[in-house]
């Protein structure tokens, strides 16, 4: 069993920065990919960014150039550096780990951390 715990959310003014962390614990953990998603009130959860086991990254157009995903494998922790924050970035941010074992794919989610950007 894998547990993911996000932290680092909070209230920030537009133009400010926050760094989110996602710490993994539990069973031997070697995810094939990890990702950040976010969900605003009344909206569907949306993908933000992904980092694969080889370090490749992808970003949603809405955050490209402002957000940076990274991971520290030694600490089993993933990060999301968010700069130039905008009010529309306000959401609950969730981390996800994808583990592929043979033909089976397992998704693990954290509980989320609130990010609020004031104008």
C-alpha atoms as a PDB file:
ATOM      1  CA  UNK A   1       0.000   0.000   0.000  1.00  0.00           C
ATOM      2  CA  UNK A   2       1.265   3.467  -0.894  1.00  0.00           C
ATOM      3  CA  UNK A   3       0.339   6.677   0.865  1.00  0.00           C
ATOM      4  CA  UNK A   4       0.787  10.116  -0.639  1.00  0.00           C
ATOM      5  CA  UNK A   5       0.665  13.262   1.484  1.00  0.00           C
ATOM      6  CA  UNK A   6       0.639  16.736  -0.044  1.00  0.00           C
ATOM      7  CA  UNK A   7       1.754  19.847   1.789  1.00  0.00           C
ATOM      8  CA  UNK A   8       2.725  23.427   1.078  1.00  0.00           C
ATOM      9  CA  UNK A   9      -0.604  24.885   0.084  1.00  0.00           C
ATOM     10  CA  UNK A  10      -1.842  28.182   1.388  1.00  0.00           C
ATOM     11  CA  UNK A  11      -2.969  31.694   0.590  1.00  0.00           C
ATOM     12  CA  UNK A  12      -0.811  33.858  -1.657  1.00  0.00           C
ATOM     13  CA  UNK A  13      -1.279  37.070  -3.595  1.00  0.00           C
ATOM     14  CA  UNK A  14      -1.344  37.094  -7.357  1.00  0.00           C
ATOM     15  CA  UNK A  15       2.183  37.077  -8.709  1.00  0.00           C
ATOM     16  CA  UNK A  16       3.482  35.172  -5.718  1.00  0.00           C
ATOM     17  CA  UNK A  17       4.976  31.705  -5.417  1.00  0.00           C
ATOM     18  CA  UNK A  18       4.340  28.478  -3.555  1.00  0.00           C
ATOM     19  CA  UNK A  19       6.052  25.110  -3.502  1.00  0.00           C
ATOM     20  CA  UNK A  20       3.965  22.016  -3.003  1.00  0.00           C
ATOM     21  CA  UNK A  21       5.389  18.729  -1.806  1.00  0.00           C
ATOM     22  CA  UNK A  22       4.085  15.197  -2.185  1.00  0.00           C
ATOM     23  CA  UNK A  23       5.685  12.685   0.139  1.00  0.00           C
ATOM     24  CA  UNK A  24       5.248   8.977  -0.530  1.00  0.00           C
ATOM     25  CA  UNK A  25       5.429   6.227   2.026  1.00  0.00           C
ATOM     26  CA  UNK A  26       4.388   2.632   2.409  1.00  0.00           C
ATOM     27  CA  UNK A  27       5.334  -0.297   0.222  1.00  0.00           C
ATOM     28  CA  UNK A  28       8.433  -0.302  -1.943  1.00  0.00           C
ATOM     29  CA  UNK A  29       7.750   2.683  -4.093  1.00  0.00           C
ATOM     30  CA  UNK A  30       9.046   3.050  -7.609  1.00  0.00           C
ATOM     31  CA  UNK A  31       6.417   4.845  -9.604  1.00  0.00           C
ATOM     32  CA  UNK A  32       6.556   4.900 -13.361  1.00  0.00           C
ATOM     33  CA  UNK A  33       5.224   8.429 -13.284  1.00  0.00           C
ATOM     34  CA  UNK A  34       3.977  11.038 -10.867  1.00  0.00           C
ATOM     35  CA  UNK A  35       1.667  13.917 -11.577  1.00  0.00           C
ATOM     36  CA  UNK A  36      -0.137  16.901 -10.168  1.00  0.00           C
ATOM     37  CA  UNK A  37      -3.804  17.554 -10.754  1.00  0.00           C
ATOM     38  CA  UNK A  38      -6.047  20.329  -9.498  1.00  0.00           C
ATOM     39  CA  UNK A  39      -9.725  20.860  -8.954  1.00  0.00           C
ATOM     40  CA  UNK A  40     -11.564  24.146  -8.581  1.00  0.00           C
ATOM     41  CA  UNK A  41     -15.066  24.399  -7.102  1.00  0.00           C
ATOM     42  CA  UNK A  42     -17.673  23.326  -9.615  1.00  0.00           C
ATOM     43  CA  UNK A  43     -15.077  22.082 -12.095  1.00  0.00           C
ATOM     44  CA  UNK A  44     -13.685  18.711 -13.014  1.00  0.00           C
ATOM     45  CA  UNK A  45     -10.279  17.676 -11.797  1.00  0.00           C
ATOM     46  CA  UNK A  46      -7.713  18.694 -14.400  1.00  0.00           C
ATOM     47  CA  UNK A  47      -4.221  17.504 -15.139  1.00  0.00           C
ATOM     48  CA  UNK A  48      -1.435  19.992 -14.448  1.00  0.00           C
ATOM     49  CA  UNK A  49       1.894  18.266 -15.002  1.00  0.00           C
ATOM     50  CA  UNK A  50       3.638  14.879 -15.101  1.00  0.00           C
ATOM     51  CA  UNK A  51       7.157  13.649 -14.454  1.00  0.00           C
ATOM     52  CA  UNK A  52       8.226  10.172 -15.519  1.00  0.00           C
ATOM     53  CA  UNK A  53      10.760   7.850 -13.963  1.00  0.00           C
ATOM     54  CA  UNK A  54      13.412   9.050 -16.421  1.00  0.00           C
ATOM     55  CA  UNK A  55      12.743  12.684 -15.545  1.00  0.00           C
ATOM     56  CA  UNK A  56      10.742  13.670 -18.600  1.00  0.00           C
ATOM     57  CA  UNK A  57       8.149  16.339 -17.900  1.00  0.00           C
ATOM     58  CA  UNK A  58       4.986  17.658 -19.500  1.00  0.00           C
ATOM     59  CA  UNK A  59       2.833  20.614 -18.563  1.00  0.00           C
ATOM     60  CA  UNK A  60      -0.649  21.861 -19.268  1.00  0.00           C
ATOM     61  CA  UNK A  61      -0.569  24.958 -21.440  1.00  0.00           C
ATOM     62  CA  UNK A  62      -2.137  26.996 -18.649  1.00  0.00           C
ATOM     63  CA  UNK A  63       0.881  26.517 -16.361  1.00  0.00           C
ATOM     64  CA  UNK A  64       3.722  26.129 -18.845  1.00  0.00           C
ATOM     65  CA  UNK A  65       6.552  28.511 -18.053  1.00  0.00           C
ATOM     66  CA  UNK A  66       5.225  29.215 -14.555  1.00  0.00           C
ATOM     67  CA  UNK A  67       5.167  25.822 -12.816  1.00  0.00           C
ATOM     68  CA  UNK A  68       8.033  23.352 -12.459  1.00  0.00           C
ATOM     69  CA  UNK A  69       7.678  19.729 -11.399  1.00  0.00           C
ATOM     70  CA  UNK A  70      10.580  17.818  -9.874  1.00  0.00           C
ATOM     71  CA  UNK A  71      11.212  14.739  -7.790  1.00  0.00           C
ATOM     72  CA  UNK A  72      13.768  13.581  -5.254  1.00  0.00           C
ATOM     73  CA  UNK A  73      13.844   9.809  -5.536  1.00  0.00           C
ATOM     74  CA  UNK A  74      16.035   9.443  -2.458  1.00  0.00           C
ATOM     75  CA  UNK A  75      13.349  11.152  -0.394  1.00  0.00           C
ATOM     76  CA  UNK A  76      10.388   9.642  -2.256  1.00  0.00           C
ATOM     77  CA  UNK A  77       9.099  13.180  -2.667  1.00  0.00           C
ATOM     78  CA  UNK A  78       7.757  15.142  -5.596  1.00  0.00           C
ATOM     79  CA  UNK A  79       7.554  18.911  -5.763  1.00  0.00           C
ATOM     80  CA  UNK A  80       5.619  21.537  -7.664  1.00  0.00           C
ATOM     81  CA  UNK A  81       7.194  24.980  -7.768  1.00  0.00           C
ATOM     82  CA  UNK A  82       4.501  27.480  -8.704  1.00  0.00           C
ATOM     83  CA  UNK A  83       5.549  30.981  -9.728  1.00  0.00           C
ATOM     84  CA  UNK A  84       3.622  33.959 -11.072  1.00  0.00           C
ATOM     85  CA  UNK A  85       0.460  32.599  -9.532  1.00  0.00           C
ATOM     86  CA  UNK A  86      -2.887  33.818 -10.803  1.00  0.00           C
ATOM     87  CA  UNK A  87      -6.337  33.805  -9.200  1.00  0.00           C
ATOM     88  CA  UNK A  88      -7.379  31.125 -11.704  1.00  0.00           C
ATOM     89  CA  UNK A  89      -4.752  28.811 -10.187  1.00  0.00           C
ATOM     90  CA  UNK A  90      -6.900  28.628  -7.050  1.00  0.00           C
ATOM     91  CA  UNK A  91      -7.790  24.980  -6.508  1.00  0.00           C
ATOM     92  CA  UNK A  92      -7.179  21.908  -4.437  1.00  0.00           C
ATOM     93  CA  UNK A  93      -3.991  20.340  -5.749  1.00  0.00           C
ATOM     94  CA  UNK A  94      -3.619  16.564  -5.743  1.00  0.00           C
ATOM     95  CA  UNK A  95      -0.614  14.400  -6.418  1.00  0.00           C
ATOM     96  CA  UNK A  96      -0.862  11.075  -8.148  1.00  0.00           C
ATOM     97  CA  UNK A  97       1.542   8.179  -8.534  1.00  0.00           C
ATOM     98  CA  UNK A  98       1.249   5.621 -11.312  1.00  0.00           C
ATOM     99  CA  UNK A  99       2.753   2.205 -10.753  1.00  0.00           C
ATOM    100  CA  UNK A 100       2.825  -0.333 -13.561  1.00  0.00           C
ATOM    101  CA  UNK A 101       3.302  -3.937 -12.501  1.00  0.00           C
ATOM    102  CA  UNK A 102       3.200  -6.387 -15.369  1.00  0.00           C
ATOM    103  CA  UNK A 103      -0.059  -5.674 -17.154  1.00  0.00           C
ATOM    104  CA  UNK A 104      -1.671  -3.875 -14.247  1.00  0.00           C
ATOM    105  CA  UNK A 105      -1.677  -0.139 -13.635  1.00  0.00           C
ATOM    106  CA  UNK A 106      -2.218   1.238 -10.156  1.00  0.00           C
ATOM    107  CA  UNK A 107      -3.095   4.858  -9.426  1.00  0.00           C
ATOM    108  CA  UNK A 108      -2.496   6.319  -5.983  1.00  0.00           C
ATOM    109  CA  UNK A 109      -3.815   9.724  -4.912  1.00  0.00           C
ATOM    110  CA  UNK A 110      -3.065  12.090  -2.100  1.00  0.00           C
ATOM    111  CA  UNK A 111      -5.728  13.873  -0.085  1.00  0.00           C
ATOM    112  CA  UNK A 112      -5.075  17.275  -1.636  1.00  0.00           C
ATOM    113  CA  UNK A 113      -3.803  20.638  -0.475  1.00  0.00           C
ATOM    114  CA  UNK A 114      -5.630  23.939  -0.945  1.00  0.00           C
ATOM    115  CA  UNK A 115      -4.016  26.732  -2.919  1.00  0.00           C
ATOM    116  CA  UNK A 116      -5.752  30.099  -2.891  1.00  0.00           C
ATOM    117  CA  UNK A 117      -4.494  33.013  -4.960  1.00  0.00           C
ATOM    118  CA  UNK A 118      -5.967  36.403  -4.155  1.00  0.00           C
ATOM    119  CA  UNK A 119      -6.187  39.186  -6.697  1.00  0.00           C
END
